[in-house]
Each structure stands twice: as C-alpha cells, then as structure tokens.
Protein backbone atom coordinates (compact mmCIF):
# COMPACT_ATOMS: atom_id res chain seq x y z
CA MET A 1 173.91 123.24 31.34
CA ILE A 2 176.93 124.71 33.15
CA ILE A 3 176.15 125.28 36.86
CA LYS A 4 177.42 128.88 36.73
CA GLU A 5 174.89 129.68 34.00
CA ILE A 6 172.02 128.19 36.00
CA LEU A 7 172.98 130.24 39.04
CA GLU A 8 172.86 133.44 36.98
CA LYS A 9 169.21 132.90 36.03
CA ASP A 10 166.43 134.92 37.67
CA THR A 11 164.00 132.00 37.66
CA LEU A 12 164.91 128.32 37.91
CA SER A 13 163.00 125.56 36.14
CA HIS A 14 162.38 122.09 37.52
CA GLN A 15 165.27 120.83 35.39
CA ASP A 16 167.57 123.59 36.68
CA ILE A 17 166.81 122.59 40.26
CA CYS A 18 167.46 118.93 39.45
CA ASP A 19 170.84 119.88 37.95
CA LEU A 20 171.78 121.83 41.08
CA LEU A 21 170.76 118.96 43.36
CA ARG A 22 172.87 116.56 41.28
CA ILE A 23 176.08 118.56 41.79
CA ASP A 24 178.77 116.03 42.75
CA ASN A 25 182.03 117.98 42.71
CA LYS A 26 183.57 120.53 45.06
CA PRO A 27 183.99 123.46 42.63
CA ASP A 28 180.34 123.40 41.55
CA PHE A 29 179.16 122.89 45.12
CA ALA A 30 181.20 125.92 46.18
CA LEU A 31 179.47 127.98 43.47
CA LEU A 32 176.07 126.80 44.73
CA ARG A 33 176.85 127.46 48.38
CA ASN A 34 178.34 130.90 47.72
CA ARG A 35 175.38 131.98 45.58
CA ALA A 36 172.93 130.86 48.25
CA TYR A 37 174.88 132.75 50.92
CA GLU A 38 174.93 135.91 48.80
CA ILE A 39 171.16 135.76 48.35
CA MET A 40 170.66 135.21 52.08
CA LYS A 41 172.83 138.25 52.87
CA GLU A 42 170.92 140.38 50.38
CA HIS A 43 167.40 139.39 51.45
CA CYS A 44 167.72 138.35 55.11
CA GLY A 45 171.10 139.50 56.43
CA GLU A 46 173.64 137.30 58.21
CA LYS A 47 172.05 137.06 61.65
CA VAL A 48 171.10 133.62 62.91
CA PHE A 49 167.75 133.73 64.70
CA LEU A 50 167.11 131.49 67.67
CA ARG A 51 164.02 129.59 68.75
CA GLY A 52 164.10 127.82 72.10
CA LEU A 53 162.48 124.44 71.43
CA VAL A 54 160.34 122.60 73.96
CA GLU A 55 159.00 119.20 72.91
CA PHE A 56 156.15 119.26 75.37
CA SER A 57 154.47 115.93 74.59
CA ASN A 58 155.27 112.73 72.70
CA ILE A 59 151.67 111.48 72.74
CA CYS A 60 150.56 111.13 69.12
CA LYS A 61 147.38 109.95 67.41
CA CYS A 62 149.27 109.09 64.20
CA ASP A 63 151.24 106.05 63.16
CA CYS A 64 153.65 107.42 60.56
CA ASN A 65 155.98 104.77 59.22
CA TYR A 66 159.19 106.76 59.78
CA CYS A 67 158.60 108.38 63.17
CA GLY A 68 160.03 107.22 66.49
CA ILE A 69 157.05 108.52 68.50
CA ARG A 70 154.44 106.83 66.30
CA LYS A 71 151.53 105.62 68.43
CA SER A 72 152.38 101.93 67.86
CA ASN A 73 155.91 102.23 69.26
CA LYS A 74 155.67 100.54 72.65
CA ASN A 75 159.29 101.34 73.53
CA VAL A 76 158.48 104.97 74.25
CA ASP A 77 157.40 106.28 77.65
CA ARG A 78 154.63 108.78 76.89
CA TYR A 79 154.54 112.17 78.60
CA LEU A 80 152.83 115.54 78.61
CA LEU A 81 154.68 118.37 80.33
CA ASP A 82 152.55 120.41 82.67
CA LYS A 83 152.01 124.14 82.41
CA LYS A 84 154.65 124.90 85.02
CA GLU A 85 157.32 122.92 83.16
CA ILE A 86 156.58 124.63 79.84
CA LEU A 87 156.64 128.05 81.50
CA ALA A 88 160.05 127.21 82.97
CA ALA A 89 161.33 126.35 79.48
CA ALA A 90 159.91 129.63 78.15
CA ARG A 91 161.62 131.63 80.87
CA LYS A 92 164.86 129.81 80.11
CA SER A 93 164.56 130.97 76.50
CA VAL A 94 164.17 134.58 77.65
CA GLU A 95 167.14 134.27 80.02
CA ASN A 96 169.29 132.98 77.19
CA GLY A 97 168.30 135.87 74.92
CA TYR A 98 166.09 133.77 72.67
CA ALA A 99 163.09 135.92 71.82
CA SER A 100 161.21 133.11 70.09
CA PHE A 101 159.86 129.83 71.37
CA VAL A 102 158.80 126.66 69.56
CA MET A 103 156.22 124.36 71.14
CA GLN A 104 156.22 120.97 69.45
CA SER A 105 154.40 117.74 70.23
CA GLY A 106 152.92 114.66 68.70
CA ASP A 107 149.77 115.20 66.66
CA ARG A 108 146.60 115.68 68.69
CA ASP A 109 143.38 117.56 67.99
CA ASP A 110 141.12 116.55 70.88
CA PRO A 111 139.38 119.45 72.67
CA GLN A 112 141.11 118.81 76.00
CA PHE A 113 144.54 119.09 74.38
CA ILE A 114 143.70 122.23 72.38
CA ASP A 115 142.31 123.90 75.51
CA PHE A 116 145.53 123.01 77.35
CA VAL A 117 147.73 124.44 74.60
CA ILE A 118 145.74 127.68 74.48
CA ASP A 119 145.96 128.07 78.26
CA VAL A 120 149.73 127.50 78.18
CA VAL A 121 150.30 129.89 75.28
CA LYS A 122 148.41 132.69 77.01
CA ALA A 123 150.42 132.06 80.18
CA VAL A 124 153.72 132.07 78.28
CA LYS A 125 152.88 135.33 76.52
CA LYS A 126 151.90 136.99 79.81
CA ALA A 127 154.92 135.68 81.73
CA THR A 128 157.50 136.80 79.16
CA VAL A 129 156.49 140.42 78.57
CA SER A 130 159.44 142.74 79.24
CA ASP A 131 161.09 145.93 78.01
CA LYS A 132 162.98 143.83 75.42
CA LEU A 133 159.89 141.79 74.54
CA PRO A 134 156.86 144.09 74.84
CA ASN A 135 154.68 141.39 73.25
CA GLY A 136 156.34 138.48 75.04
CA LEU A 137 158.01 135.56 73.32
CA GLY A 138 157.24 134.97 69.66
CA ILE A 139 155.66 131.52 69.49
CA THR A 140 155.79 128.87 66.78
CA LEU A 141 153.50 125.87 67.23
CA CYS A 142 153.86 122.41 65.73
CA ILE A 143 151.09 120.01 66.74
CA GLY A 144 149.92 118.65 63.39
CA GLU A 145 146.73 118.79 61.37
CA GLN A 146 143.80 120.63 62.95
CA THR A 147 140.37 121.95 62.01
CA TYR A 148 139.96 125.54 60.84
CA GLU A 149 138.25 126.34 64.15
CA ASN A 150 141.18 124.97 66.16
CA TYR A 151 143.71 126.91 64.11
CA LYS A 152 141.71 130.11 64.59
CA ARG A 153 141.54 129.60 68.35
CA LEU A 154 145.30 129.02 68.46
CA PHE A 155 145.99 132.12 66.38
CA ASP A 156 143.71 134.23 68.56
CA ALA A 157 145.55 132.95 71.65
CA GLY A 158 148.78 134.57 70.45
CA ILE A 159 150.52 132.02 68.22
CA HIS A 160 151.69 133.69 65.02
CA ARG A 161 153.86 131.00 63.41
CA TYR A 162 152.89 127.42 62.66
CA LEU A 163 155.03 124.58 61.29
CA LEU A 164 153.34 121.74 59.42
CA ARG A 165 155.69 119.69 57.30
CA ILE A 166 154.37 118.23 54.06
CA GLU A 167 157.26 115.66 54.17
CA THR A 168 156.92 115.16 50.40
CA SER A 169 154.87 116.76 47.65
CA ASN A 170 154.65 113.40 45.87
CA GLU A 171 151.19 112.18 46.84
CA LYS A 172 152.01 108.49 46.38
CA LEU A 173 155.12 108.75 48.53
CA PHE A 174 153.13 110.71 51.13
CA GLU A 175 150.73 107.78 51.42
CA LYS A 176 153.63 105.34 51.88
CA LEU A 177 155.12 107.45 54.68
CA HIS A 178 151.92 108.04 56.61
CA SER A 179 149.13 106.07 58.22
CA VAL A 180 145.65 105.81 56.76
CA GLU A 181 144.12 108.59 58.86
CA GLN A 182 146.32 111.15 57.10
CA SER A 183 145.92 112.30 53.52
CA TYR A 184 148.02 114.46 51.26
CA HIS A 185 145.05 116.62 50.30
CA ASN A 186 144.14 117.33 53.91
CA ARG A 187 147.75 118.27 54.70
CA VAL A 188 147.79 120.76 51.83
CA ASN A 189 144.38 122.08 52.86
CA CYS A 190 145.69 122.65 56.39
CA LEU A 191 148.56 124.73 55.02
CA LYS A 192 146.05 126.81 53.07
CA MET A 193 143.89 127.32 56.17
CA LEU A 194 146.92 128.49 58.16
CA LYS A 195 147.76 131.04 55.49
CA ASP A 196 144.16 132.22 55.31
CA LEU A 197 144.13 132.87 59.06
CA GLY A 198 147.29 134.99 58.94
CA PHE A 199 149.91 132.66 60.39
CA GLN A 200 153.48 132.74 59.22
CA VAL A 201 153.43 129.27 57.68
CA GLY A 202 156.29 126.82 57.77
CA THR A 203 156.60 123.47 56.08
CA GLY A 204 159.35 121.12 54.93
CA VAL A 205 160.30 117.68 53.74
CA MET A 206 162.40 114.66 54.63
CA ILE A 207 165.38 114.36 52.32
CA GLY A 208 166.79 111.08 51.05
CA PHE A 209 164.22 108.53 52.17
CA PRO A 210 163.67 105.32 50.14
CA GLU A 211 162.02 105.72 46.71
CA GLN A 212 162.37 109.52 46.74
CA THR A 213 164.07 110.92 43.63
CA ILE A 214 165.89 114.13 42.77
CA GLU A 215 162.88 115.00 40.63
CA ASP A 216 160.67 114.67 43.71
CA LEU A 217 162.88 117.04 45.69
CA ALA A 218 162.91 119.59 42.87
CA LYS A 219 159.12 119.40 42.85
CA ASP A 220 159.17 119.98 46.63
CA VAL A 221 161.10 123.23 46.15
CA LEU A 222 158.56 124.43 43.58
CA PHE A 223 155.75 123.35 45.93
CA PHE A 224 157.19 125.69 48.58
CA LYS A 225 157.25 128.49 46.03
CA ASP A 226 153.75 127.85 44.67
CA MET A 227 152.33 127.71 48.22
CA ASP A 228 154.10 130.99 49.06
CA ILE A 229 155.58 129.46 52.22
CA ASP A 230 157.24 131.71 54.83
CA MET A 231 159.47 129.25 56.71
CA ILE A 232 161.24 126.02 55.78
CA GLY A 233 162.17 123.30 58.27
CA MET A 234 163.58 120.24 56.54
CA GLY A 235 166.31 117.73 57.14
CA PRO A 236 167.97 114.53 55.98
CA TYR A 237 166.11 111.29 56.60
CA ILE A 238 167.52 109.35 59.56
CA VAL A 239 166.17 105.88 60.28
CA HIS A 240 164.55 104.98 63.60
CA LYS A 241 164.81 101.24 64.23
CA ASP A 242 161.47 101.05 66.09
CA THR A 243 159.47 101.87 62.95
CA PRO A 244 158.38 99.98 59.83
CA MET A 245 161.11 101.87 57.94
CA GLY A 246 163.70 100.55 60.36
CA LYS A 247 164.38 97.83 57.79
CA TYR A 248 166.24 100.45 55.76
CA PHE A 249 168.90 100.98 58.45
CA ASP A 250 171.76 99.33 56.53
CA GLU A 251 170.79 101.21 53.36
CA TYR A 252 170.72 104.46 55.31
CA GLN A 253 174.19 103.83 56.72
CA ALA A 254 175.56 103.17 53.23
CA LYS A 255 174.03 106.41 51.86
CA LYS A 256 174.71 108.62 54.89
CA GLN A 257 177.19 110.99 53.21
CA GLU A 258 175.08 111.25 50.06
CA THR A 259 171.95 112.01 52.08
CA PHE A 260 173.71 114.64 54.16
CA GLU A 261 175.08 116.39 51.09
CA LEU A 262 171.64 116.34 49.53
CA GLY A 263 170.27 117.94 52.70
CA ILE A 264 172.58 120.94 52.58
CA LYS A 265 172.14 121.29 48.81
CA MET A 266 168.38 121.50 49.41
CA ILE A 267 168.97 124.37 51.84
CA ALA A 268 171.06 126.19 49.24
CA VAL A 269 168.57 125.63 46.44
CA CYS A 270 165.63 126.72 48.59
CA ARG A 271 167.49 129.90 49.49
CA ILE A 272 168.21 130.64 45.82
CA VAL A 273 164.63 129.96 44.70
CA LEU A 274 162.72 131.36 47.68
CA LYS A 275 165.02 134.28 48.52
CA ASP A 276 163.62 135.86 51.73
CA VAL A 277 162.05 132.96 53.66
CA ASN A 278 163.37 131.72 56.99
CA ILE A 279 165.25 128.42 56.66
CA ALA A 280 166.27 126.33 59.65
CA SER A 281 169.54 124.45 59.89
CA THR A 282 168.03 121.47 61.68
CA THR A 283 169.40 119.27 64.41
CA ALA A 284 169.20 116.26 62.07
CA LEU A 285 172.17 117.69 60.15
CA GLN A 286 174.27 117.66 63.32
CA ALA A 287 173.01 114.18 64.17
CA MET A 288 174.70 112.99 60.97
CA TYR A 289 177.92 115.02 61.23
CA ASP A 290 179.21 117.14 64.09
CA ASP A 291 179.47 120.31 61.98
CA GLY A 292 176.20 119.65 60.17
CA ARG A 293 174.32 122.69 61.37
CA GLU A 294 177.24 124.99 60.55
CA GLN A 295 177.28 123.59 57.02
CA GLY A 296 173.55 124.31 56.78
CA LEU A 297 174.15 127.91 57.86
CA LEU A 298 176.90 128.29 55.27
CA CYS A 299 174.41 127.15 52.61
CA GLY A 300 171.96 129.93 53.45
CA ALA A 301 170.02 128.84 56.55
CA ASN A 302 169.29 131.56 59.11
CA VAL A 303 167.44 129.85 61.99
CA LEU A 304 168.53 127.48 64.77
CA MET A 305 166.27 125.80 67.33
CA PRO A 306 168.26 124.96 70.49
CA GLN A 307 166.79 122.34 72.80
CA HIS A 308 164.99 123.66 75.91
CA SER A 309 163.01 120.59 76.93
CA PRO A 310 163.57 119.23 80.45
CA PHE A 311 166.34 116.62 80.56
CA SER A 312 163.92 114.11 82.07
CA VAL A 313 162.00 113.75 78.78
CA ARG A 314 164.53 114.43 76.03
CA LYS A 315 165.29 110.77 75.38
CA GLN A 316 161.58 110.06 74.95
CA TYR A 317 161.22 112.50 72.05
CA GLN A 318 163.37 110.97 69.35
CA LEU A 319 161.75 111.12 65.93
CA TYR A 320 165.01 109.62 64.66
CA GLU A 321 168.00 108.01 66.35
CA GLY A 322 171.25 109.72 67.27
CA LYS A 323 169.72 113.06 68.25
CA PRO A 324 172.38 115.37 69.78
CA TYR A 325 172.15 117.32 73.06
CA LEU A 326 170.27 114.65 74.99
CA ASP A 327 172.61 114.78 77.99
CA GLU A 328 174.37 118.15 77.91
CA THR A 329 173.57 120.83 80.44
CA ASP A 330 171.78 123.91 79.18
CA LYS A 331 174.87 126.04 79.77
CA SER A 332 177.23 123.75 77.85
CA SER A 333 174.78 123.46 74.95
CA ILE A 334 174.36 127.23 74.69
CA GLU A 335 178.10 127.90 74.88
CA ASP A 336 178.72 125.25 72.23
CA LEU A 337 176.08 126.79 69.98
CA GLU A 338 177.59 130.26 70.29
CA LYS A 339 181.07 128.97 69.45
CA ARG A 340 179.79 127.11 66.41
CA VAL A 341 177.94 130.13 65.01
CA HIS A 342 180.82 132.52 65.64
CA SER A 343 183.30 130.07 64.09
CA ILE A 344 181.71 130.61 60.67
CA GLY A 345 181.52 134.38 61.00
CA ARG A 346 177.80 134.66 61.77
CA THR A 347 176.17 136.58 64.60
CA LEU A 348 173.24 135.57 66.77
CA GLY A 349 170.00 137.56 66.72
CA TYR A 350 169.50 137.83 70.46
CA ASP A 351 166.26 139.32 71.80
CA GLU A 352 164.66 139.40 68.33
CA TRP A 353 161.64 137.47 67.11
CA GLY A 354 163.34 137.05 63.75
CA ASP A 355 160.09 136.82 61.81
CA SER A 356 160.10 135.79 58.17
CA LYS A 357 161.05 138.63 55.84
CA HIS A 358 158.96 136.90 53.19
CA PHE A 359 155.86 137.20 55.37
CA LYS A 360 156.59 140.85 56.10
CA ASN A 361 157.24 141.68 52.43
CA ARG A 362 154.04 139.95 51.34
CA ASN A 363 151.96 141.81 53.89
CA LYS A 364 153.33 145.34 53.44
C-alpha cells in the first residue's frame, strides 16, 4: 500500500505498522515524520518536557545479557549514592527549571533498598516544595520488578510515574535477553500492577538487537496500545563489550545507520498510533549520532532526560558504550541542550511536571 494512504487511516494494522517501519526512502520518511509531528502538536503540543536524571546506583541483582551493569560484569565499580547526593541532584533540577526528576538504578527489591528509596523520595518531595512547585518535584522511578506491596509503598511515598521497560513483547526473545530470574509474564504482570495502583506507567523496547524483526517491533507498538501505556522510553540497541552480546559488536557497527533510522521511525509510528502519550527522545540516539535526540524530537518525541548524576559516578553507569555527557559540566550540558531544542523550533517546558496527556485523558 502507498505510505500516504496508510498515514490517512484512523487505525493502523500490524501490516500497516510493518510497512511504515520498512520505509527506506527520503520522501516517504518525510511523510511519516511530518504526520507524527502533526499528531504530536494536536494531542500534546510542541513543548519539550524535561526530567533531571540521577542514576543513583549501579548495583543490580540481574544478569541481563545486553546490559553493562549486569551483576557479572567485574569491570564496573559499584556504588549507591547517599541521600545527601541525591538531594543535591534534585535541587540542581529545580535550579535548572526542570520540574520533574527521574531516579534510576539497577534492579533491587530487598527491604533495605526499598526503605532507602522511600526515605529519599519523601526528602526530595519535602525539599523541593516552592511557589512554582507546590507539590515538589514530579518523580519518575525506575528500579525494576517489584512486589505489589513494594509498588504500593513507593506510590504512597509520592512517586507517581514508573518506568519498566518490557524490552521486547516477543516472549522467546525476552528470554534470550534476560537472565533466568526474570520472566516475560512477571514483567507484564508488574506493568499491570503499576497501572492498578494508579501510576503513570512507562515502558519501552530495545530497537535493532540480533534476531529481532520488523514484525516484532510492530507487535511491540500494538503491545503499548493494548496495555494502555502512558509513557514510552525506547532506544536503538547499542552493544556493550563487557556482556555476552558483546560478540555482536562488529555486526552492530555495520548496521549502525539502519538501527538508528529504525529507532526514529519507531518514535514516529508510536506517536501516530498512540497519539497523546509521552515519548522520550533518549540519550542512546545521541550516542549514535550527534543530532540523534533532535531527530527523535522531530519525529514526535516530547520528553528529554538530561543527566544530573554526580560526575564521580557517571562512567560507572553505562548500560551501553559511547554514552554522551560523561565529562561535560552541568552548565555546558544545559546550554547545549537548550541550543539543540531551540534549533529545531521547539520550546522547553520549564517548571512543569509535563505529565502524560494520555494518563490525564483516561482519568478524567
């Protein structure tokens, strides 16, 4: 079918999504990108919402085959930021006009860790209340699979957004990516628990990893829709040499451009199918190409997550290699970000939580 005709449909089939993801020429890609941008403007507006990101621990109980902080990687110095350091990062977010804060770590569910997170979250909320932020920073948490009881405690502490990536909706591929203590069914069940508790729920996938097909990615998009997801955080697969999948490094290098293009097409397709969700233009895009995040924004993304972790630990939290902003000062990174966003005609949503319109519309 002609791409223009697909883009005029109200509802896209699995085959339609596959056809869009297989676009391989500039005119059709321009049609896709422009349609995605139009839908973003209509349903979300053009503001880019900011989340100051602090990667507060790289200690992880899991041994995922693609991840640079997997527990078996002995080349990583493990750390856990203390409460004071995380509060400093939160205050830095407020100073920079970022009204939202992302706390991300390796996967842990032990009681001591959950108690620590809850204590920190309560302190962050209390410390960041102001005239501009009467409820303090909006907080997104990403610490992996938990029990229902843990999720409820975290929600009650003041966290209202949670990111738990499915990585792939193909169960067999999920098993190949992850270690034995993780299961596809439990991951899906965790997403359902988060929704049941009232979180704004985010998920996402890796794009372009070995054995994944276009059909798999189209199924991922429909998975997001069927699960009624509020936020999408996904990015192109980038190899980390200190993992079992490090053997694919040469293959990754050969497919780099193809994988990148697939990543921004996924953003566009998700925007067209999902309409009013929040979609991040992830750092992985910029790790591949310098203007990667701008290209993601042009394809319909509306969220950026600037790095706010202390410089002393940034190099120890590399899920993939080539991560940008490891050495820049906070000021230079922020100025660079502003220039990049303004260069494509977008504005920054300073001092706004920037919650998912999809979540708000569903809960009217």
